[in-house]
Structure formats: C-alpha cells, structure tokens
C-alpha cells in the first residue's frame, strides 16, 4: 500500500487527489499522458482486482455519457463507471448479445465499449466495459490501523521497533534467510565484482553459515533469537544479495515456504531497483494480500557518479522507474540509503533525502559507509583514496537527513555494522547504543524532530 498510514509509498491505497481523478474536462477518447501517468498506473493496478470480492472496483468522476477503454499502457477516458474485465473470447459473445438487443445496451448497468483494437489470437489484451455505479476507489476492507504516535510517546523520530510492536501487538524479530540469490552486478549481467562496499558474509548472518533449506534456517533463527529475547513473532528476512533476482516460480516457492511457518508473521525482501519486473511485483502483491510483506529497495543515492563508483550497474533512473511501478501496491515499501559516499557534499545528501521524501516510502534504512574485508573499498581505504566519516560528522548528516523525511516514515535503521572480525573501519559503527543516543542528543540540541524540515524540502 502507499501513503500516509499504510505500507508503501506516495498516496493512499488505490487513491489519488480529487483533482487527479476528475476527468470531466477530458474529452472521451483522449489518450492521457503526463502528469496523470500515476493515475494510469493505479487504474491498471485496480483492474487486476476486478472480480475479487474483497475489493471494490474503481469509479472515476466524469459525465454519465462517457466510457472508459483500457488497453496495455494507455487508457482512453471517461468515467463514472465501474471497470469490469472481459477476455478476448467472451468479449465477442458479449458484443453479440449487445448487438442483438440494442435497447439493453443503453441501460446504465450494461454499457459496452464497442471497440476492438487487438487481433483475434491475442491472449495478453483485455477489453474493459463499464457500467454506472457509485463504487469506492478504496479496498473494501477495514481502514488501515492508525500509525503509532511516536511524538506523543516522546520520541524524536519514528522508531522501527515501536512500529512493529504496535503493528503486531508485541516484539517482533527478523530472521535472516538466504535464498541462494546472486546479483546482476556479480554474475556479469550488468557488471562483475559486485558493489564496491559489499561482502554478503559481513552484511547478512545467513551468509556466515552453511546454507540450508528455508525451514531449517527459520528454526535455527528462532532458537537463537529466543535465547536472547522473549519473542514469539518473527519476520522472514530475505537479506543477502538480490532477493527478487530469479524466476517467479522459484521466488514463489521460497516466499511461501517461509510464510508457511506459524511463527513467521511476515516477510522482508531486500532487492535492487533494476530487479523488480512487474510479474515479481504482482507476486509480492498477492502475498501481501494475505500477510505483511515489506520490499526493501536499494536506492543508496540519487547521484549517478556515486552509483558508478559503487559498481551498481544502474543509474538513478532505475529507481524512479521502480518506484513509479510500486504506486498502488499493497505491500510495505522501504528505501535503503547510504551517507558518507566519496565526493558527496552535504547538499548532495540533502538532495537524496528530498527525493526519498518526495516518494514517501513507508520506511527508510540509513547506513553509514563502512569498509569490510574482501571488498574493493577495503583497498581504497587502505590506500587513502576514500575517507570514512567520524561519528560526530555522521550524526550531523544523519540528523539533517531525518529532519527532511515525512513524519509518517518509519526509521528502520540509523547505521550499518558488521562482525568485528570483518570490519575494517570505522570502529564506532559497532556501538549502536552510542549512535542512537548521539542522534537523539543532536536532535535535542537542535530542537528538531523527524519532519522538521520536511515541508521546506518539498516546496
């Protein structure tokens, strides 16, 4: 889902501003382009839910004598009607019935769009006919639970652990799961060598042990976490590498195996913006209709020069394309960013924060740049080519970043770390408590909280 109080980015689930959906001034048959591309995406998404009883279908505000025709990536207006879907095969039967009874076709509940722009053998296109009704554009299910009021609770920012506690009614811990994935900048698809800073064994606990099937990994994770915490609810966290980088049948099998464990209350799936084709998003959306699912998008930065330095194999336009296709989805969306990248100024980091704020994801993970063994960054730091931030410097930039985020964005992480035997520098990132207390102290010193500069950032 998207928007304030929900698990996604941008706007309320399935909704757009009143002005955006008022199509009364748009001529019937006109092809809509920007700036209503978002509405097109939402409309295409809504069409997938036609016929599913747990959802209402969309209604667009428009004069009664207009119709809607949808095909592929276009829609011709008009509105005031419910969308219904006909396959190519039963379209012809419906057309025959309508032509045999013209009077019936004039009834508001059975108006058919008499247009066929696709070939007789097409299986990928759909005709949408519409009839007049006052249906809701929102899902026909209870309203989303009100977000935890972190300001009333005395916090300076929206903490992830409190969000999960409020959402699930108790403590929830992540279990790192290894699905055996790789990355497109490792296997040669877009690059080789992987990200400059990355060694999955240091980032993901599940890569530091012999890989087993998902069920065994979950049981091992539960046993370990129960020894440390009083916890009975867990999120299966597909963490190392790119966890959407596989055919849909493989992904379905892995995700569903994790969700089949009664202790798993949801999934977290880490990925890259260039590895989320629509069929994968559809799968995740399907799972999110049954359980909590969070998709973590590795944005890192908006600056292409920094992405090139990382050897990511994509530029910021991949992130923009990805986020545009997430609009209207039901799952929680979070964005992963890094501060302290070589050559990035304060203003450049502010620009990244403002771009994150513009998309309004449900959550943000913020990492400092740190060096671990067996990476290209290790050598760059050793040769003096890259300088890593000191703690005070990082806290200053971190506070800047959080001030520019919307207040309803969950802060899922404020720093990165690695096992002591893998970490090169900086050593301060091992001390999470000091980072948290230092951030709170900096925000208190400034007299600010999360969102203090959000309005200014989005003028």
Protein backbone atom coordinates (compact mmCIF):
# COMPACT_ATOMS: atom_id res chain seq x y z
CA UNK A 1 0.00 0.00 0.00
CA UNK A 2 1.05 3.54 -0.48
CA UNK A 3 0.96 6.67 1.53
CA UNK A 4 0.34 8.03 4.98
CA UNK A 5 -0.65 5.42 7.48
CA UNK A 6 -0.07 2.50 5.11
CA UNK A 7 2.66 0.14 3.93
CA UNK A 8 4.03 1.70 0.77
CA UNK A 9 4.97 4.95 -0.91
CA UNK A 10 3.25 8.02 -2.24
CA UNK A 11 -0.52 8.18 -1.72
CA UNK A 12 -3.41 6.42 -0.02
CA UNK A 13 -4.04 2.87 -1.31
CA UNK A 14 -5.71 2.99 -4.72
CA UNK A 15 -6.49 6.70 -4.24
CA UNK A 16 -5.49 9.87 -5.99
CA UNK A 17 -6.21 13.52 -5.31
CA UNK A 18 -9.69 14.67 -6.20
CA UNK A 19 -8.34 16.86 -8.97
CA UNK A 20 -6.41 13.97 -10.44
CA UNK A 21 -9.47 11.75 -10.78
CA UNK A 22 -11.85 14.44 -12.02
CA UNK A 23 -11.87 13.53 -15.68
CA UNK A 24 -14.93 15.56 -16.57
CA UNK A 25 -12.91 18.09 -18.56
CA UNK A 26 -11.06 15.45 -20.59
CA UNK A 27 -12.64 14.54 -23.90
CA UNK A 28 -13.80 10.97 -24.36
CA UNK A 29 -11.25 9.02 -26.37
CA UNK A 30 -8.31 11.25 -25.43
CA UNK A 31 -5.09 9.40 -24.62
CA UNK A 32 -3.79 10.56 -21.25
CA UNK A 33 -0.11 11.35 -20.84
CA UNK A 34 1.85 13.00 -18.03
CA UNK A 35 1.14 14.39 -15.50
CA UNK A 36 -1.51 11.71 -14.96
CA UNK A 37 0.76 8.72 -15.56
CA UNK A 38 0.36 7.88 -11.88
CA UNK A 39 -3.39 7.63 -12.39
CA UNK A 40 -2.84 5.34 -15.36
CA UNK A 41 -0.68 3.04 -13.26
CA UNK A 42 -3.23 2.97 -10.47
CA UNK A 43 -6.03 2.25 -12.90
CA UNK A 44 -4.13 -0.65 -14.45
CA UNK A 45 -3.42 -1.98 -10.98
CA UNK A 46 -7.05 -1.71 -9.92
CA UNK A 47 -8.15 -3.62 -12.97
CA UNK A 48 -6.28 -6.69 -11.72
CA UNK A 49 -8.61 -6.91 -8.76
CA UNK A 50 -11.83 -6.95 -10.73
CA UNK A 51 -13.96 -9.89 -9.67
CA UNK A 52 -12.22 -10.37 -6.32
CA UNK A 53 -14.87 -9.88 -3.63
CA UNK A 54 -12.54 -8.32 -1.07
CA UNK A 55 -12.05 -5.28 -3.27
CA UNK A 56 -14.34 -2.64 -4.65
CA UNK A 57 -13.57 -1.53 -8.16
CA UNK A 58 -12.75 1.98 -9.20
CA UNK A 59 -15.05 4.77 -10.15
CA UNK A 60 -13.80 7.92 -11.85
CA UNK A 61 -15.75 11.16 -11.63
CA UNK A 62 -16.96 12.08 -15.10
CA UNK A 63 -20.19 12.80 -17.02
CA UNK A 64 -22.60 9.89 -17.42
CA UNK A 65 -22.27 9.71 -21.20
CA UNK A 66 -18.56 8.84 -21.26
CA UNK A 67 -16.87 5.49 -21.38
CA UNK A 68 -13.52 4.04 -20.40
CA UNK A 69 -11.40 1.90 -22.66
CA UNK A 70 -8.22 0.32 -21.35
CA UNK A 71 -5.59 -1.47 -23.37
CA UNK A 72 -1.95 -2.11 -22.49
CA UNK A 73 -0.27 1.07 -21.22
CA UNK A 74 -2.93 3.54 -22.30
CA UNK A 75 -6.38 4.38 -21.23
CA UNK A 76 -8.93 6.50 -23.02
CA UNK A 77 -11.28 8.33 -20.75
CA UNK A 78 -14.08 8.72 -19.43
CA UNK A 79 -15.58 7.67 -16.16
CA UNK A 80 -18.40 7.44 -13.69
CA UNK A 81 -18.40 3.70 -14.30
CA UNK A 82 -17.22 0.50 -12.69
CA UNK A 83 -14.47 -1.37 -14.56
CA UNK A 84 -15.15 -4.97 -15.48
CA UNK A 85 -12.89 -7.29 -17.43
CA UNK A 86 -13.68 -9.41 -20.46
CA UNK A 87 -11.22 -11.73 -22.13
CA UNK A 88 -10.96 -11.55 -25.89
CA UNK A 89 -13.01 -14.75 -26.22
CA UNK A 90 -16.03 -13.77 -24.17
CA UNK A 91 -15.85 -10.18 -25.45
CA UNK A 92 -17.25 -11.35 -28.78
CA UNK A 93 -20.09 -13.17 -27.03
CA UNK A 94 -20.91 -10.05 -25.06
CA UNK A 95 -20.74 -7.94 -28.21
CA UNK A 96 -23.13 -10.33 -29.97
CA UNK A 97 -25.63 -10.16 -27.11
CA UNK A 98 -25.49 -6.37 -27.08
CA UNK A 99 -25.96 -6.04 -30.83
CA UNK A 100 -28.94 -8.41 -30.70
CA UNK A 101 -30.61 -6.27 -28.06
CA UNK A 102 -29.75 -2.59 -28.65
CA UNK A 103 -32.25 -1.42 -26.04
CA UNK A 104 -30.47 -3.43 -23.39
CA UNK A 105 -27.15 -1.89 -24.36
CA UNK A 106 -28.49 1.54 -23.48
CA UNK A 107 -29.05 0.57 -19.87
CA UNK A 108 -26.59 2.15 -17.47
CA UNK A 109 -25.71 -1.20 -15.92
CA UNK A 110 -24.74 -2.84 -19.21
CA UNK A 111 -22.99 -0.31 -21.46
CA UNK A 112 -20.35 -1.96 -23.55
CA UNK A 113 -17.39 -0.23 -25.18
CA UNK A 114 -17.75 -1.29 -28.80
CA UNK A 115 -14.11 -1.21 -29.74
CA UNK A 116 -11.67 -3.96 -30.59
CA UNK A 117 -8.07 -2.90 -31.21
CA UNK A 118 -6.43 -6.28 -30.84
CA UNK A 119 -6.10 -9.35 -33.00
CA UNK A 120 -8.26 -12.45 -32.81
CA UNK A 121 -5.46 -14.55 -31.34
CA UNK A 122 -4.46 -12.10 -28.64
CA UNK A 123 -4.27 -13.51 -25.13
CA UNK A 124 -2.47 -10.56 -23.48
CA UNK A 125 -5.00 -7.79 -24.03
CA UNK A 126 -8.24 -7.14 -22.27
CA UNK A 127 -11.30 -5.13 -23.11
CA UNK A 128 -12.90 -3.30 -20.21
CA UNK A 129 -16.58 -2.48 -20.29
CA UNK A 130 -18.11 -0.15 -17.77
CA UNK A 131 -21.43 0.48 -16.11
CA UNK A 132 -22.64 3.30 -13.98
CA UNK A 133 -22.35 2.95 -10.23
CA UNK A 134 -21.08 4.76 -7.17
CA UNK A 135 -18.31 2.37 -6.15
CA UNK A 136 -15.44 3.16 -3.85
CA UNK A 137 -11.91 3.56 -5.16
CA UNK A 138 -10.63 2.11 -1.87
CA UNK A 139 -10.30 -1.55 -0.87
CA UNK A 140 -13.47 -2.96 0.66
CA UNK A 141 -11.81 -3.85 3.95
CA UNK A 142 -11.43 -2.14 7.34
CA UNK A 143 -9.44 1.12 7.35
CA UNK A 144 -5.73 0.85 7.99
CA UNK A 145 -4.76 0.90 11.64
CA UNK A 146 -3.68 4.32 12.81
CA UNK A 147 0.07 4.65 12.99
CA UNK A 148 1.84 4.66 16.31
CA UNK A 149 2.02 8.24 17.63
CA UNK A 150 5.75 8.44 18.18
CA UNK A 151 5.72 12.15 19.00
CA UNK A 152 3.16 11.69 21.78
CA UNK A 153 5.33 8.85 23.11
CA UNK A 154 8.27 11.24 23.40
CA UNK A 155 10.47 10.02 20.53
CA UNK A 156 12.49 12.28 18.25
CA UNK A 157 11.90 10.04 15.25
CA UNK A 158 9.62 7.13 14.28
CA UNK A 159 11.46 4.02 15.58
CA UNK A 160 11.07 0.74 13.73
CA UNK A 161 10.81 -1.46 16.82
CA UNK A 162 7.87 0.57 18.13
CA UNK A 163 6.19 0.45 14.73
CA UNK A 164 6.44 -3.35 14.66
CA UNK A 165 5.35 -3.69 18.27
CA UNK A 166 2.28 -1.56 17.56
CA UNK A 167 1.51 -3.39 14.29
CA UNK A 168 1.85 -6.94 15.63
CA UNK A 169 0.94 -6.42 19.27
CA UNK A 170 4.33 -7.40 20.67
CA UNK A 171 8.01 -7.78 20.00
CA UNK A 172 8.99 -8.96 16.52
CA UNK A 173 12.47 -10.03 15.39
CA UNK A 174 13.88 -10.61 11.92
CA UNK A 175 15.38 -13.93 10.88
CA UNK A 176 17.93 -13.55 8.08
CA UNK A 177 17.18 -16.03 5.28
CA UNK A 178 19.46 -16.99 2.41
CA UNK A 179 17.59 -17.97 -0.75
CA UNK A 180 20.81 -18.62 -2.67
CA UNK A 181 20.50 -15.50 -4.83
CA UNK A 182 23.21 -13.53 -6.58
CA UNK A 183 23.23 -10.01 -8.05
CA UNK A 184 23.27 -8.77 -11.66
CA UNK A 185 26.49 -6.85 -10.98
CA UNK A 186 28.10 -10.07 -9.75
CA UNK A 187 27.10 -12.58 -12.43
CA UNK A 188 28.02 -10.34 -15.35
CA UNK A 189 24.51 -9.28 -16.39
CA UNK A 190 25.26 -5.60 -15.80
CA UNK A 191 28.74 -5.76 -14.23
CA UNK A 192 31.12 -8.08 -12.40
CA UNK A 193 32.68 -7.89 -8.97
CA UNK A 194 29.61 -6.73 -7.07
CA UNK A 195 29.24 -3.46 -5.19
CA UNK A 196 32.46 -1.77 -4.10
CA UNK A 197 31.49 -1.93 -0.42
CA UNK A 198 29.76 -5.31 -0.33
CA UNK A 199 30.68 -8.67 1.10
CA UNK A 200 27.47 -10.52 1.87
CA UNK A 201 29.08 -12.55 4.62
CA UNK A 202 29.59 -9.38 6.66
CA UNK A 203 26.17 -7.87 5.91
CA UNK A 204 23.97 -10.96 6.36
CA UNK A 205 24.14 -13.50 9.21
CA UNK A 206 22.65 -16.19 6.96
CA UNK A 207 25.68 -15.99 4.65
CA UNK A 208 28.07 -16.74 7.52
CA UNK A 209 26.83 -20.31 7.98
CA UNK A 210 26.35 -23.30 5.71
CA UNK A 211 23.18 -22.70 3.70
CA UNK A 212 20.25 -25.00 4.41
CA UNK A 213 16.63 -25.02 3.29
CA UNK A 214 14.38 -22.17 4.35
CA UNK A 215 12.56 -24.17 7.02
CA UNK A 216 15.81 -25.16 8.71
CA UNK A 217 17.08 -21.59 8.57
CA UNK A 218 13.91 -20.38 10.26
CA UNK A 219 14.15 -22.94 13.05
CA UNK A 220 17.82 -22.13 13.64
CA UNK A 221 16.99 -18.41 13.72
CA UNK A 222 14.10 -18.86 16.14
CA UNK A 223 16.24 -20.90 18.53
CA UNK A 224 18.99 -18.28 18.50
CA UNK A 225 16.69 -15.31 18.99
CA UNK A 226 14.73 -16.98 21.78
CA UNK A 227 17.95 -17.38 23.71
CA UNK A 228 18.40 -13.59 23.60
CA UNK A 229 14.85 -12.22 23.68
CA UNK A 230 11.38 -13.07 24.87
CA UNK A 231 9.83 -13.23 21.41
CA UNK A 232 7.35 -15.46 19.58
CA UNK A 233 6.78 -13.49 16.35
CA UNK A 234 9.30 -13.28 13.54
CA UNK A 235 9.77 -11.73 10.12
CA UNK A 236 11.49 -13.84 7.48
CA UNK A 237 14.15 -11.51 6.07
CA UNK A 238 15.44 -12.48 2.63
CA UNK A 239 18.57 -10.42 3.06
CA UNK A 240 21.79 -11.38 1.23
CA UNK A 241 22.18 -10.47 -2.45
CA UNK A 242 19.18 -9.55 -4.65
CA UNK A 243 16.15 -11.44 -3.41
CA UNK A 244 13.88 -10.86 -6.41
CA UNK A 245 16.53 -11.87 -8.95
CA UNK A 246 15.06 -15.22 -10.03
CA UNK A 247 12.13 -16.65 -11.98
CA UNK A 248 8.73 -16.17 -10.36
CA UNK A 249 8.17 -19.90 -9.64
CA UNK A 250 11.40 -20.05 -7.62
CA UNK A 251 10.53 -16.87 -5.76
CA UNK A 252 7.02 -18.11 -5.01
CA UNK A 253 8.32 -21.37 -3.61
CA UNK A 254 10.84 -19.64 -1.32
CA UNK A 255 8.49 -16.93 -0.10
CA UNK A 256 5.59 -19.32 0.52
CA UNK A 257 7.84 -21.79 2.35
CA UNK A 258 8.87 -19.02 4.73
CA UNK A 259 5.30 -17.85 5.28
CA UNK A 260 4.13 -21.41 5.95
CA UNK A 261 5.91 -21.41 9.31
CA UNK A 262 3.38 -20.42 12.00
CA UNK A 263 5.95 -18.25 13.80
CA UNK A 264 6.56 -16.12 10.69
CA UNK A 265 4.19 -13.14 10.68
CA UNK A 266 5.55 -11.58 7.51
CA UNK A 267 8.39 -11.20 5.03
CA UNK A 268 11.04 -8.60 4.35
CA UNK A 269 12.59 -8.84 0.88
CA UNK A 270 15.76 -6.94 0.01
CA UNK A 271 16.39 -6.09 -3.64
CA UNK A 272 17.68 -3.61 -6.21
CA UNK A 273 15.52 -1.21 -8.23
CA UNK A 274 16.56 -2.83 -11.52
CA UNK A 275 15.42 -6.32 -10.45
CA UNK A 276 11.70 -5.90 -9.82
CA UNK A 277 9.80 -6.71 -13.04
CA UNK A 278 6.04 -6.37 -12.87
CA UNK A 279 5.43 -10.11 -12.62
CA UNK A 280 7.55 -10.18 -9.45
CA UNK A 281 5.68 -7.19 -8.02
CA UNK A 282 2.43 -8.98 -8.80
CA UNK A 283 3.61 -12.00 -6.83
CA UNK A 284 4.61 -9.87 -3.84
CA UNK A 285 1.30 -8.03 -4.05
CA UNK A 286 -0.50 -11.36 -3.99
CA UNK A 287 1.36 -12.42 -0.85
CA UNK A 288 0.77 -9.03 0.76
CA UNK A 289 -2.98 -9.59 0.50
CA UNK A 290 -2.54 -12.43 3.00
CA UNK A 291 0.37 -11.31 5.17
CA UNK A 292 2.66 -8.42 5.98
CA UNK A 293 5.35 -8.02 3.30
CA UNK A 294 8.00 -5.33 3.08
CA UNK A 295 10.04 -4.75 -0.07
CA UNK A 296 13.39 -3.03 0.59
CA UNK A 297 14.66 -1.09 -2.41
CA UNK A 298 18.40 -0.38 -2.50
CA UNK A 299 18.41 3.23 -3.65
CA UNK A 300 21.69 4.20 -1.89
CA UNK A 301 21.86 7.66 -3.53
CA UNK A 302 20.32 9.69 -6.35
CA UNK A 303 23.72 10.64 -7.76
CA UNK A 304 24.84 8.64 -10.79
CA UNK A 305 28.54 9.32 -10.17
CA UNK A 306 28.25 7.67 -6.77
CA UNK A 307 26.35 4.73 -8.24
CA UNK A 308 29.14 4.32 -10.79
CA UNK A 309 31.73 4.38 -8.00
CA UNK A 310 29.78 1.59 -6.27
CA UNK A 311 29.75 -0.50 -9.46
CA UNK A 312 25.98 -0.82 -9.13
CA UNK A 313 25.40 -1.31 -12.83
CA UNK A 314 22.40 1.04 -12.92
CA UNK A 315 21.66 4.74 -12.50
CA UNK A 316 19.02 6.66 -10.58
CA UNK A 317 16.52 6.34 -13.42
CA UNK A 318 16.16 2.65 -12.46
CA UNK A 319 14.98 3.71 -9.01
CA UNK A 320 12.48 6.18 -10.50
CA UNK A 321 11.06 3.50 -12.78
CA UNK A 322 10.82 1.05 -9.90
CA UNK A 323 9.07 3.45 -7.55
CA UNK A 324 6.62 4.53 -10.24
CA UNK A 325 5.55 0.90 -10.65
CA UNK A 326 5.06 0.48 -6.90
CA UNK A 327 2.28 3.05 -6.74
CA UNK A 328 -0.93 1.37 -5.59
CA UNK A 329 0.74 -1.81 -4.36
CA UNK A 330 -0.39 -3.32 -1.07
CA UNK A 331 2.99 -4.16 0.42
CA UNK A 332 5.14 -2.02 2.68
CA UNK A 333 7.96 -0.31 0.78
CA UNK A 334 11.20 0.87 2.35
CA UNK A 335 14.21 2.56 0.81
CA UNK A 336 17.86 1.91 1.67
CA UNK A 337 20.27 4.86 1.51
CA UNK A 338 23.92 5.41 2.38
CA UNK A 339 25.56 8.53 3.80
CA UNK A 340 29.23 9.45 3.50
CA UNK A 341 29.80 8.28 -0.06
CA UNK A 342 33.03 9.60 -1.63
CA UNK A 343 32.62 13.06 -3.15
CA UNK A 344 29.09 13.65 -1.85
CA UNK A 345 28.59 17.03 -0.20
CA UNK A 346 26.03 17.98 2.40
CA UNK A 347 23.87 19.45 -0.35
CA UNK A 348 24.06 16.20 -2.34
CA UNK A 349 22.94 14.16 0.68
CA UNK A 350 20.11 16.65 1.23
CA UNK A 351 19.04 16.09 -2.38
CA UNK A 352 18.88 12.34 -1.77
CA UNK A 353 16.82 12.91 1.38
CA UNK A 354 14.43 15.18 -0.51
CA UNK A 355 13.97 12.59 -3.24
CA UNK A 356 13.17 9.92 -0.65
CA UNK A 357 10.70 12.32 0.98
CA UNK A 358 9.05 13.02 -2.37
CA UNK A 359 8.17 9.33 -2.79
CA UNK A 360 7.07 8.98 0.85
CA UNK A 361 8.02 5.34 1.38
CA UNK A 362 6.66 3.63 4.48
CA UNK A 363 10.20 3.15 5.79
CA UNK A 364 13.82 4.19 5.33
CA UNK A 365 17.04 2.39 6.26
CA UNK A 366 20.02 4.74 6.62
CA UNK A 367 23.55 3.37 6.62
CA UNK A 368 26.91 5.00 7.04
CA UNK A 369 29.58 3.93 4.58
CA UNK A 370 31.90 1.42 6.26
CA UNK A 371 34.63 -0.89 4.99
CA UNK A 372 34.78 -4.64 5.48
CA UNK A 373 37.31 -7.24 4.45
CA UNK A 374 37.32 -8.84 1.00
CA UNK A 375 35.93 -5.74 -0.72
CA UNK A 376 37.25 -3.15 -3.16
CA UNK A 377 36.54 -0.49 -0.53
CA UNK A 378 38.98 -2.15 1.85
CA UNK A 379 41.83 -1.40 -0.55
CA UNK A 380 40.60 2.12 -1.27
CA UNK A 381 40.56 2.96 2.44
CA UNK A 382 44.00 1.40 2.97
CA UNK A 383 45.45 3.49 0.12
CA UNK A 384 43.88 6.69 1.45
CA UNK A 385 41.60 7.06 -1.58
CA UNK A 386 38.40 7.05 0.49
CA UNK A 387 37.84 8.75 3.84
CA UNK A 388 35.18 7.36 6.15
CA UNK A 389 33.14 9.67 8.38
CA UNK A 390 33.89 10.21 12.05
CA UNK A 391 30.96 9.64 14.40
CA UNK A 392 30.25 13.33 15.09
CA UNK A 393 30.26 14.08 11.37
CA UNK A 394 27.91 11.21 10.64
CA UNK A 395 25.47 12.21 13.39
CA UNK A 396 25.34 15.71 11.92
CA UNK A 397 24.43 14.41 8.46
CA UNK A 398 22.08 11.77 9.89
CA UNK A 399 20.12 14.40 11.80
CA UNK A 400 19.92 16.51 8.64
CA UNK A 401 18.55 13.54 6.72
CA UNK A 402 15.91 12.57 9.27
CA UNK A 403 14.70 16.15 9.62
CA UNK A 404 13.86 16.15 5.91
CA UNK A 405 11.79 12.94 5.96
CA UNK A 406 8.00 12.91 6.38
CA UNK A 407 6.83 12.24 9.94
CA UNK A 408 4.98 9.03 8.99
CA UNK A 409 8.09 7.37 7.51
CA UNK A 410 9.40 4.61 9.79
CA UNK A 411 13.14 4.88 10.50
CA UNK A 412 14.13 1.25 10.18
CA UNK A 413 17.85 1.71 10.73
CA UNK A 414 20.18 4.61 11.56
CA UNK A 415 23.56 2.97 10.93
CA UNK A 416 25.25 -0.07 9.47
CA UNK A 417 27.58 -2.53 11.14
CA UNK A 418 29.47 -5.76 10.56
CA UNK A 419 31.01 -8.54 12.67
CA UNK A 420 34.14 -7.27 14.45
CA UNK A 421 36.33 -9.78 12.65
CA UNK A 422 35.14 -8.45 9.27
CA UNK A 423 35.01 -4.71 9.97
CA UNK A 424 37.91 -2.53 8.83
CA UNK A 425 36.56 0.91 9.75
CA UNK A 426 35.08 2.94 11.30
CA UNK A 427 35.08 1.11 14.60
CA UNK A 428 32.42 3.38 16.07
CA UNK A 429 29.70 1.72 13.96
CA UNK A 430 29.95 -1.34 16.24
CA UNK A 431 28.44 0.70 19.08
CA UNK A 432 24.78 1.03 18.12
CA UNK A 433 23.76 2.39 21.50
CA UNK A 434 26.20 5.28 21.22
CA UNK A 435 24.94 6.11 17.74
CA UNK A 436 21.32 6.13 18.87
CA UNK A 437 21.99 8.25 21.95
CA UNK A 438 24.20 10.56 19.90
CA UNK A 439 21.46 11.10 17.30
CA UNK A 440 18.87 11.85 19.96
CA UNK A 441 21.25 14.29 21.65
CA UNK A 442 21.93 16.06 18.34
CA UNK A 443 18.23 16.43 17.57
CA UNK A 444 17.61 17.69 21.10
CA UNK A 445 20.45 20.18 20.75
CA UNK A 446 18.89 21.48 17.53
CA UNK A 447 15.37 21.43 18.97
CA UNK A 448 14.16 19.41 15.98
CA UNK A 449 12.48 16.09 15.25
CA UNK A 450 11.86 13.92 12.19
CA UNK A 451 9.99 16.00 9.64
CA UNK A 452 11.06 19.40 10.98
CA UNK A 453 12.39 20.33 7.56
CA UNK A 454 10.08 18.12 5.51
CA UNK A 455 7.78 20.90 4.33
CA UNK A 456 10.69 23.08 3.27
CA UNK A 457 12.30 20.14 1.49
CA UNK A 458 9.20 19.58 -0.62
CA UNK A 459 8.28 23.09 -1.75
